[in-house]
PDB file of N, CA and C in Angstrom:
ATOM      1  N   MET A   1      73.090 101.835 -47.946  1.00  0.00           N
ATOM      2  CA  MET A   1      72.912 102.549 -46.696  1.00  0.00           C
ATOM      3  C   MET A   1      72.670 101.564 -45.562  1.00  0.00           C
ATOM      4  N   ASP A   2      71.411 101.210 -45.342  1.00  0.00           N
ATOM      5  CA  ASP A   2      71.059 100.293 -44.266  1.00  0.00           C
ATOM      6  C   ASP A   2      70.369  99.068 -44.839  1.00  0.00           C
ATOM      7  N   ALA A   3      70.579  97.921 -44.170  1.00  0.00           N
ATOM      8  CA  ALA A   3      69.877  96.702 -44.573  1.00  0.00           C
ATOM      9  C   ALA A   3      69.510  95.923 -43.312  1.00  0.00           C
ATOM     10  N   VAL A   4      68.250  95.566 -43.187  1.00  0.00           N
ATOM     11  CA  VAL A   4      67.756  94.791 -42.051  1.00  0.00           C
ATOM     12  C   VAL A   4      66.757  93.778 -42.581  1.00  0.00           C
ATOM     13  N   ASP A   5      67.074  92.487 -42.441  1.00  0.00           N
ATOM     14  CA  ASP A   5      66.141  91.418 -42.819  1.00  0.00           C
ATOM     15  C   ASP A   5      65.395  91.680 -44.121  1.00  0.00           C
ATOM     16  N   GLY A   6      66.117  91.906 -45.183  1.00  0.00           N
ATOM     17  CA  GLY A   6      65.494  92.122 -46.480  1.00  0.00           C
ATOM     18  C   GLY A   6      65.101  93.557 -46.767  1.00  0.00           C
ATOM     19  N   PHE A   7      65.171  94.431 -45.789  1.00  0.00           N
ATOM     20  CA  PHE A   7      64.871  95.856 -45.988  1.00  0.00           C
ATOM     21  C   PHE A   7      66.173  96.571 -46.321  1.00  0.00           C
ATOM     22  N   ALA A   8      66.110  97.470 -47.291  1.00  0.00           N
ATOM     23  CA  ALA A   8      67.321  98.211 -47.648  1.00  0.00           C
ATOM     24  C   ALA A   8      66.974  99.620 -48.111  1.00  0.00           C
ATOM     25  N   LEU A   9      67.896 100.530 -47.836  1.00  0.00           N
ATOM     26  CA  LEU A   9      67.837 101.903 -48.325  1.00  0.00           C
ATOM     27  C   LEU A   9      69.088 102.142 -49.146  1.00  0.00           C
ATOM     28  N   ARG A  10      68.916 102.784 -50.298  1.00  0.00           N
ATOM     29  CA  ARG A  10      70.064 103.116 -51.130  1.00  0.00           C
ATOM     30  C   ARG A  10      69.899 104.560 -51.568  1.00  0.00           C
ATOM     31  N   LEU A  11      70.929 105.338 -51.425  1.00  0.00           N
ATOM     32  CA  LEU A  11      70.888 106.756 -51.796  1.00  0.00           C
ATOM     33  C   LEU A  11      71.666 106.970 -53.077  1.00  0.00           C
ATOM     34  N   GLU A  12      71.031 107.645 -54.026  1.00  0.00           N
ATOM     35  CA  GLU A  12      71.669 108.009 -55.285  1.00  0.00           C
ATOM     36  C   GLU A  12      71.301 109.442 -55.615  1.00  0.00           C
ATOM     37  N   GLN A  13      71.941 109.989 -56.618  1.00  0.00           N
ATOM     38  CA  GLN A  13      71.625 111.323 -57.108  1.00  0.00           C
ATOM     39  C   GLN A  13      71.151 111.195 -58.549  1.00  0.00           C
ATOM     40  N   ASN A  14      70.145 111.988 -58.923  1.00  0.00           N
ATOM     41  CA  ASN A  14      69.762 112.094 -60.326  1.00  0.00           C
ATOM     42  C   ASN A  14      69.828 113.570 -60.690  1.00  0.00           C
ATOM     43  N   GLY A  15      69.370 113.931 -61.851  1.00  0.00           N
ATOM     44  CA  GLY A  15      69.442 115.319 -62.301  1.00  0.00           C
ATOM     45  C   GLY A  15      68.602 116.278 -61.481  1.00  0.00           C
ATOM     46  N   GLN A  16      67.695 115.751 -60.644  1.00  0.00           N
ATOM     47  CA  GLN A  16      66.823 116.602 -59.842  1.00  0.00           C
ATOM     48  C   GLN A  16      67.177 116.583 -58.361  1.00  0.00           C
ATOM     49  N   GLY A  17      68.185 115.828 -57.965  1.00  0.00           N
ATOM     50  CA  GLY A  17      68.579 115.781 -56.568  1.00  0.00           C
ATOM     51  C   GLY A  17      68.643 114.365 -56.036  1.00  0.00           C
ATOM     52  N   PRO A  18      68.597 114.223 -54.708  1.00  0.00           N
ATOM     53  CA  PRO A  18      68.755 112.906 -54.103  1.00  0.00           C
ATOM     54  C   PRO A  18      67.539 112.010 -54.326  1.00  0.00           C
ATOM     55  N   VAL A  19      67.824 110.712 -54.464  1.00  0.00           N
ATOM     56  CA  VAL A  19      66.792 109.686 -54.578  1.00  0.00           C
ATOM     57  C   VAL A  19      67.086 108.626 -53.527  1.00  0.00           C
ATOM     58  N   VAL A  20      66.102 108.333 -52.696  1.00  0.00           N
ATOM     59  CA  VAL A  20      66.219 107.246 -51.719  1.00  0.00           C
ATOM     60  C   VAL A  20      65.426 106.068 -52.268  1.00  0.00           C
ATOM     61  N   TRP A  21      66.107 104.980 -52.569  1.00  0.00           N
ATOM     62  CA  TRP A  21      65.483 103.758 -53.060  1.00  0.00           C
ATOM     63  C   TRP A  21      65.180 102.890 -51.851  1.00  0.00           C
ATOM     64  N   VAL A  22      63.926 102.539 -51.673  1.00  0.00           N
ATOM     65  CA  VAL A  22      63.491 101.735 -50.534  1.00  0.00           C
ATOM     66  C   VAL A  22      63.078 100.364 -51.055  1.00  0.00           C
ATOM     67  N   SER A  23      63.545  99.295 -50.383  1.00  0.00           N
ATOM     68  CA  SER A  23      63.121  97.955 -50.793  1.00  0.00           C
ATOM     69  C   SER A  23      62.869  97.099 -49.563  1.00  0.00           C
ATOM     70  N   GLY A  24      61.958  96.146 -49.715  1.00  0.00           N
ATOM     71  CA  GLY A  24      61.579  95.264 -48.618  1.00  0.00           C
ATOM     72  C   GLY A  24      60.355  95.789 -47.893  1.00  0.00           C
ATOM     73  N   GLU A  25      60.184  95.346 -46.664  1.00  0.00           N
ATOM     74  CA  GLU A  25      59.018  95.726 -45.859  1.00  0.00           C
ATOM     75  C   GLU A  25      59.298  96.992 -45.062  1.00  0.00           C
ATOM     76  N   LEU A  26      58.456  97.990 -45.257  1.00  0.00           N
ATOM     77  CA  LEU A  26      58.545  99.246 -44.507  1.00  0.00           C
ATOM     78  C   LEU A  26      57.484  99.178 -43.424  1.00  0.00           C
ATOM     79  N   ASP A  27      57.934  98.829 -42.212  1.00  0.00           N
ATOM     80  CA  ASP A  27      57.003  98.585 -41.112  1.00  0.00           C
ATOM     81  C   ASP A  27      57.568  99.141 -39.810  1.00  0.00           C
ATOM     82  N   ILE A  28      57.009  98.742 -38.694  1.00  0.00           N
ATOM     83  CA  ILE A  28      57.413  99.287 -37.391  1.00  0.00           C
ATOM     84  C   ILE A  28      58.888  99.021 -37.079  1.00  0.00           C
ATOM     85  N   ALA A  29      59.420  97.941 -37.612  1.00  0.00           N
ATOM     86  CA  ALA A  29      60.828  97.610 -37.351  1.00  0.00           C
ATOM     87  C   ALA A  29      61.783  98.412 -38.224  1.00  0.00           C
ATOM     88  N   THR A  30      61.366  98.779 -39.420  1.00  0.00           N
ATOM     89  CA  THR A  30      62.261  99.433 -40.367  1.00  0.00           C
ATOM     90  C   THR A  30      61.974 100.920 -40.580  1.00  0.00           C
ATOM     91  N   ALA A  31      60.799 101.378 -40.196  1.00  0.00           N
ATOM     92  CA  ALA A  31      60.433 102.785 -40.379  1.00  0.00           C
ATOM     93  C   ALA A  31      61.441 103.752 -39.751  1.00  0.00           C
ATOM     94  N   PRO A  32      61.995 103.438 -38.559  1.00  0.00           N
ATOM     95  CA  PRO A  32      62.990 104.367 -37.996  1.00  0.00           C
ATOM     96  C   PRO A  32      64.229 104.549 -38.873  1.00  0.00           C
ATOM     97  N   LEU A  33      64.599 103.527 -39.640  1.00  0.00           N
ATOM     98  CA  LEU A  33      65.746 103.653 -40.538  1.00  0.00           C
ATOM     99  C   LEU A  33      65.456 104.670 -41.642  1.00  0.00           C
ATOM    100  N   LEU A  34      64.249 104.611 -42.203  1.00  0.00           N
ATOM    101  CA  LEU A  34      63.872 105.591 -43.222  1.00  0.00           C
ATOM    102  C   LEU A  34      63.755 106.980 -42.605  1.00  0.00           C
ATOM    103  N   SER A  35      63.206 107.063 -41.416  1.00  0.00           N
ATOM    104  CA  SER A  35      63.073 108.353 -40.736  1.00  0.00           C
ATOM    105  C   SER A  35      64.444 109.000 -40.539  1.00  0.00           C
ATOM    106  N   ASP A  36      65.412 108.236 -40.062  1.00  0.00           N
ATOM    107  CA  ASP A  36      66.764 108.759 -39.859  1.00  0.00           C
ATOM    108  C   ASP A  36      67.379 109.219 -41.181  1.00  0.00           C
ATOM    109  N   CYS A  37      67.157 108.452 -42.219  1.00  0.00           N
ATOM    110  CA  CYS A  37      67.682 108.799 -43.538  1.00  0.00           C
ATOM    111  C   CYS A  37      67.087 110.121 -44.016  1.00  0.00           C
ATOM    112  N   LEU A  38      65.772 110.268 -43.918  1.00  0.00           N
ATOM    113  CA  LEU A  38      65.113 111.484 -44.395  1.00  0.00           C
ATOM    114  C   LEU A  38      65.478 112.697 -43.554  1.00  0.00           C
ATOM    115  N   ASP A  39      65.723 112.502 -42.274  1.00  0.00           N
ATOM    116  CA  ASP A  39      66.126 113.615 -41.409  1.00  0.00           C
ATOM    117  C   ASP A  39      67.433 114.244 -41.875  1.00  0.00           C
ATOM    118  N   ASP A  40      68.297 113.455 -42.506  1.00  0.00           N
ATOM    119  CA  ASP A  40      69.594 113.950 -42.959  1.00  0.00           C
ATOM    120  C   ASP A  40      69.483 114.991 -44.075  1.00  0.00           C
ATOM    121  N   PHE A  41      68.325 115.104 -44.706  1.00  0.00           N
ATOM    122  CA  PHE A  41      68.177 116.030 -45.823  1.00  0.00           C
ATOM    123  C   PHE A  41      67.801 117.441 -45.398  1.00  0.00           C
ATOM    124  N   ASN A  42      67.435 117.647 -44.144  1.00  0.00           N
ATOM    125  CA  ASN A  42      67.178 118.990 -43.604  1.00  0.00           C
ATOM    126  C   ASN A  42      66.314 119.872 -44.497  1.00  0.00           C
ATOM    127  N   GLY A  43      65.207 119.341 -44.966  1.00  0.00           N
ATOM    128  CA  GLY A  43      64.282 120.144 -45.752  1.00  0.00           C
ATOM    129  C   GLY A  43      64.547 120.157 -47.244  1.00  0.00           C
ATOM    130  N   GLN A  44      65.653 119.579 -47.671  1.00  0.00           N
ATOM    131  CA  GLN A  44      65.962 119.508 -49.098  1.00  0.00           C
ATOM    132  C   GLN A  44      64.977 118.560 -49.787  1.00  0.00           C
ATOM    133  N   PRO A  45      64.479 118.912 -50.966  1.00  0.00           N
ATOM    134  CA  PRO A  45      63.591 117.992 -51.683  1.00  0.00           C
ATOM    135  C   PRO A  45      64.286 116.661 -51.967  1.00  0.00           C
ATOM    136  N   VAL A  46      63.550 115.594 -51.825  1.00  0.00           N
ATOM    137  CA  VAL A  46      64.097 114.253 -52.059  1.00  0.00           C
ATOM    138  C   VAL A  46      63.023 113.397 -52.726  1.00  0.00           C
ATOM    139  N   THR A  47      63.441 112.573 -53.664  1.00  0.00           N
ATOM    140  CA  THR A  47      62.539 111.616 -54.284  1.00  0.00           C
ATOM    141  C   THR A  47      62.688 110.293 -53.551  1.00  0.00           C
ATOM    142  N   ILE A  48      61.563 109.671 -53.223  1.00  0.00           N
ATOM    143  CA  ILE A  48      61.588 108.361 -52.573  1.00  0.00           C
ATOM    144  C   ILE A  48      61.012 107.359 -53.561  1.00  0.00           C
ATOM    145  N   ASP A  49      61.819 106.385 -53.945  1.00  0.00           N
ATOM    146  CA  ASP A  49      61.396 105.377 -54.908  1.00  0.00           C
ATOM    147  C   ASP A  49      60.924 104.140 -54.147  1.00  0.00           C
ATOM    148  N   PHE A  50      59.642 103.823 -54.290  1.00  0.00           N
ATOM    149  CA  PHE A  50      59.027 102.701 -53.587  1.00  0.00           C
ATOM    150  C   PHE A  50      58.929 101.442 -54.443  1.00  0.00           C
ATOM    151  N   SER A  51      59.583 101.417 -55.583  1.00  0.00           N
ATOM    152  CA  SER A  51      59.406 100.294 -56.507  1.00  0.00           C
ATOM    153  C   SER A  51      59.802  98.955 -55.895  1.00  0.00           C
ATOM    154  N   GLY A  52      60.666  98.957 -54.894  1.00  0.00           N
ATOM    155  CA  GLY A  52      61.096  97.709 -54.269  1.00  0.00           C
ATOM    156  C   GLY A  52      60.377  97.388 -52.969  1.00  0.00           C
ATOM    157  N   VAL A  53      59.409  98.222 -52.562  1.00  0.00           N
ATOM    158  CA  VAL A  53      58.692  97.995 -51.301  1.00  0.00           C
ATOM    159  C   VAL A  53      57.661  96.891 -51.497  1.00  0.00           C
ATOM    160  N   THR A  54      57.726  95.888 -50.620  1.00  0.00           N
ATOM    161  CA  THR A  54      56.792  94.762 -50.707  1.00  0.00           C
ATOM    162  C   THR A  54      55.660  94.853 -49.705  1.00  0.00           C
ATOM    163  N   PHE A  55      55.804  95.708 -48.690  1.00  0.00           N
ATOM    164  CA  PHE A  55      54.786  95.876 -47.654  1.00  0.00           C
ATOM    165  C   PHE A  55      54.986  97.235 -47.025  1.00  0.00           C
ATOM    166  N   LEU A  56      53.875  97.926 -46.750  1.00  0.00           N
ATOM    167  CA  LEU A  56      53.922  99.236 -46.105  1.00  0.00           C
ATOM    168  C   LEU A  56      52.812  99.285 -45.066  1.00  0.00           C
ATOM    169  N   ASP A  57      53.185  99.454 -43.792  1.00  0.00           N
ATOM    170  CA  ASP A  57      52.154  99.566 -42.754  1.00  0.00           C
ATOM    171  C   ASP A  57      52.045 101.018 -42.293  1.00  0.00           C
ATOM    172  N   SER A  58      51.226 101.235 -41.287  1.00  0.00           N
ATOM    173  CA  SER A  58      50.974 102.598 -40.814  1.00  0.00           C
ATOM    174  C   SER A  58      52.230 103.261 -40.250  1.00  0.00           C
ATOM    175  N   SER A  59      53.168 102.490 -39.749  1.00  0.00           N
ATOM    176  CA  SER A  59      54.422 103.063 -39.244  1.00  0.00           C
ATOM    177  C   SER A  59      55.227 103.684 -40.376  1.00  0.00           C
ATOM    178  N   GLY A  60      55.290 102.985 -41.485  1.00  0.00           N
ATOM    179  CA  GLY A  60      55.994 103.519 -42.650  1.00  0.00           C
ATOM    180  C   GLY A  60      55.299 104.744 -43.206  1.00  0.00           C
ATOM    181  N   LEU A  61      53.991 104.687 -43.276  1.00  0.00           N
ATOM    182  CA  LEU A  61      53.220 105.830 -43.750  1.00  0.00           C
ATOM    183  C   LEU A  61      53.395 107.029 -42.823  1.00  0.00           C
ATOM    184  N   ALA A  62      53.424 106.790 -41.523  1.00  0.00           N
ATOM    185  CA  ALA A  62      53.610 107.876 -40.551  1.00  0.00           C
ATOM    186  C   ALA A  62      54.951 108.576 -40.762  1.00  0.00           C
ATOM    187  N   VAL A  63      56.002 107.822 -41.053  1.00  0.00           N
ATOM    188  CA  VAL A  63      57.310 108.432 -41.313  1.00  0.00           C
ATOM    189  C   VAL A  63      57.220 109.387 -42.493  1.00  0.00           C
ATOM    190  N   LEU A  64      56.536 108.968 -43.536  1.00  0.00           N
ATOM    191  CA  LEU A  64      56.417 109.813 -44.719  1.00  0.00           C
ATOM    192  C   LEU A  64      55.621 111.081 -44.427  1.00  0.00           C
ATOM    193  N   ILE A  65      54.535 110.943 -43.704  1.00  0.00           N
ATOM    194  CA  ILE A  65      53.708 112.103 -43.368  1.00  0.00           C
ATOM    195  C   ILE A  65      54.467 113.067 -42.464  1.00  0.00           C
ATOM    196  N   TRP A  66      55.081 112.553 -41.406  1.00  0.00           N
ATOM    197  CA  TRP A  66      55.813 113.419 -40.482  1.00  0.00           C
ATOM    198  C   TRP A  66      57.002 114.078 -41.160  1.00  0.00           C
ATOM    199  N   SER A  67      57.665 113.350 -42.043  1.00  0.00           N
ATOM    200  CA  SER A  67      58.792 113.927 -42.768  1.00  0.00           C
ATOM    201  C   SER A  67      58.330 115.087 -43.646  1.00  0.00           C
ATOM    202  N   ALA A  68      57.220 114.897 -44.347  1.00  0.00           N
ATOM    203  CA  ALA A  68      56.698 115.969 -45.202  1.00  0.00           C
ATOM    204  C   ALA A  68      56.284 117.179 -44.367  1.00  0.00           C
ATOM    205  N   LEU A  69      55.630 116.938 -43.248  1.00  0.00           N
ATOM    206  CA  LEU A  69      55.222 118.054 -42.386  1.00  0.00           C
ATOM    207  C   LEU A  69      56.424 118.793 -41.810  1.00  0.00           C
ATOM    208  N   ALA A  70      57.440 118.055 -41.413  1.00  0.00           N
ATOM    209  CA  ALA A  70      58.644 118.685 -40.865  1.00  0.00           C
ATOM    210  C   ALA A  70      59.336 119.531 -41.920  1.00  0.00           C
ATOM    211  N   ARG A  71      59.394 119.033 -43.136  1.00  0.00           N
ATOM    212  CA  ARG A  71      60.017 119.790 -44.225  1.00  0.00           C
ATOM    213  C   ARG A  71      59.266 121.092 -44.480  1.00  0.00           C
ATOM    214  N   ARG A  72      57.946 121.019 -44.490  1.00  0.00           N
ATOM    215  CA  ARG A  72      57.153 122.224 -44.744  1.00  0.00           C
ATOM    216  C   ARG A  72      57.366 123.248 -43.650  1.00  0.00           C
ATOM    217  N   SER A  73      57.505 122.794 -42.430  1.00  0.00           N
ATOM    218  CA  SER A  73      57.683 123.746 -41.334  1.00  0.00           C
ATOM    219  C   SER A  73      59.085 124.346 -41.326  1.00  0.00           C
ATOM    220  N   ARG A  74      60.083 123.620 -41.855  1.00  0.00           N
ATOM    221  CA  ARG A  74      61.455 124.128 -41.879  1.00  0.00           C
ATOM    222  C   ARG A  74      61.738 125.011 -43.075  1.00  0.00           C
ATOM    223  N   LEU A  75      61.147 124.677 -44.171  1.00  0.00           N
ATOM    224  CA  LEU A  75      61.473 125.385 -45.402  1.00  0.00           C
ATOM    225  C   LEU A  75      60.240 125.432 -46.295  1.00  0.00           C
ATOM    226  N   ALA A  76      59.627 126.582 -46.396  1.00  0.00           N
ATOM    227  CA  ALA A  76      58.406 126.728 -47.200  1.00  0.00           C
ATOM    228  C   ALA A  76      58.679 126.289 -48.634  1.00  0.00           C
ATOM    229  N   GLY A  77      57.790 125.455 -49.147  1.00  0.00           N
ATOM    230  CA  GLY A  77      57.907 124.995 -50.518  1.00  0.00           C
ATOM    231  C   GLY A  77      58.669 123.704 -50.695  1.00  0.00           C
ATOM    232  N   ALA A  78      59.357 123.227 -49.672  1.00  0.00           N
ATOM    233  CA  ALA A  78      60.082 121.964 -49.805  1.00  0.00           C
ATOM    234  C   ALA A  78      59.078 120.825 -49.890  1.00  0.00           C
ATOM    235  N   ALA A  79      59.408 119.803 -50.665  1.00  0.00           N
ATOM    236  CA  ALA A  79      58.483 118.689 -50.836  1.00  0.00           C
ATOM    237  C   ALA A  79      59.249 117.424 -51.170  1.00  0.00           C
ATOM    238  N   TRP A  80      58.626 116.295 -50.951  1.00  0.00           N
ATOM    239  CA  TRP A  80      59.172 115.016 -51.414  1.00  0.00           C
ATOM    240  C   TRP A  80      58.248 114.480 -52.476  1.00  0.00           C
ATOM    241  N   ARG A  81      58.801 113.663 -53.327  1.00  0.00           N
ATOM    242  CA  ARG A  81      58.037 113.076 -54.421  1.00  0.00           C
ATOM    243  C   ARG A  81      58.190 111.569 -54.348  1.00  0.00           C
ATOM    244  N   SER A  82      57.138 110.840 -54.675  1.00  0.00           N
ATOM    245  CA  SER A  82      57.252 109.384 -54.749  1.00  0.00           C
ATOM    246  C   SER A  82      57.426 108.974 -56.204  1.00  0.00           C
ATOM    247  N   ALA A  83      58.057 107.851 -56.394  1.00  0.00           N
ATOM    248  CA  ALA A  83      58.275 107.347 -57.744  1.00  0.00           C
ATOM    249  C   ALA A  83      58.032 105.849 -57.779  1.00  0.00           C
ATOM    250  N   ASP A  84      57.281 105.403 -58.767  1.00  0.00           N
ATOM    251  CA  ASP A  84      57.096 103.983 -59.034  1.00  0.00           C
ATOM    252  C   ASP A  84      56.521 103.183 -57.878  1.00  0.00           C
ATOM    253  N   ALA A  85      55.586 103.733 -57.139  1.00  0.00           N
ATOM    254  CA  ALA A  85      54.958 102.977 -56.064  1.00  0.00           C
ATOM    255  C   ALA A  85      54.095 101.875 -56.664  1.00  0.00           C
ATOM    256  N   ASP A  86      54.154 100.704 -56.077  1.00  0.00           N
ATOM    257  CA  ASP A  86      53.340  99.577 -56.525  1.00  0.00           C
ATOM    258  C   ASP A  86      51.878  99.902 -56.282  1.00  0.00           C
ATOM    259  N   GLU A  87      51.030  99.626 -57.249  1.00  0.00           N
ATOM    260  CA  GLU A  87      49.600  99.934 -57.112  1.00  0.00           C
ATOM    261  C   GLU A  87      48.965  99.186 -55.964  1.00  0.00           C
ATOM    262  N   GLY A  88      49.535  98.070 -55.513  1.00  0.00           N
ATOM    263  CA  GLY A  88      48.948  97.269 -54.438  1.00  0.00           C
ATOM    264  C   GLY A  88      49.244  97.803 -53.045  1.00  0.00           C
ATOM    265  N   LEU A  89      50.072  98.833 -52.943  1.00  0.00           N
ATOM    266  CA  LEU A  89      50.422  99.349 -51.620  1.00  0.00           C
ATOM    267  C   LEU A  89      49.330 100.215 -51.073  1.00  0.00           C
TER     268      LEU A  89
END
C-alpha cells in the first residue's frame, strides 16, 4: 500500500475479513497514512496487525481511537481487532 521512510501498510484478506499489516514507526508523520487506509473500510470490521510496529506515539494511538469511534457511530457493533502487538508498545 504505502511506504514512507521504513513505514509500510499492507492489506490482505483472511477468513475473517481484511487485515492491515503495519510496520515501522507509527507517529505524527505516518499516522495520516493509516487513517486514510482505515477510512476506506467504511465501518467494516478490520484486523490491524501491529507485529511490525517499532514505535507508536500519541498520533498513532489517536488514529486508532478516532477510527474505532467513527466506526461505532456509523455502524452499531462494528469493531477493529489488534493482533500480535509488541508488549513494549
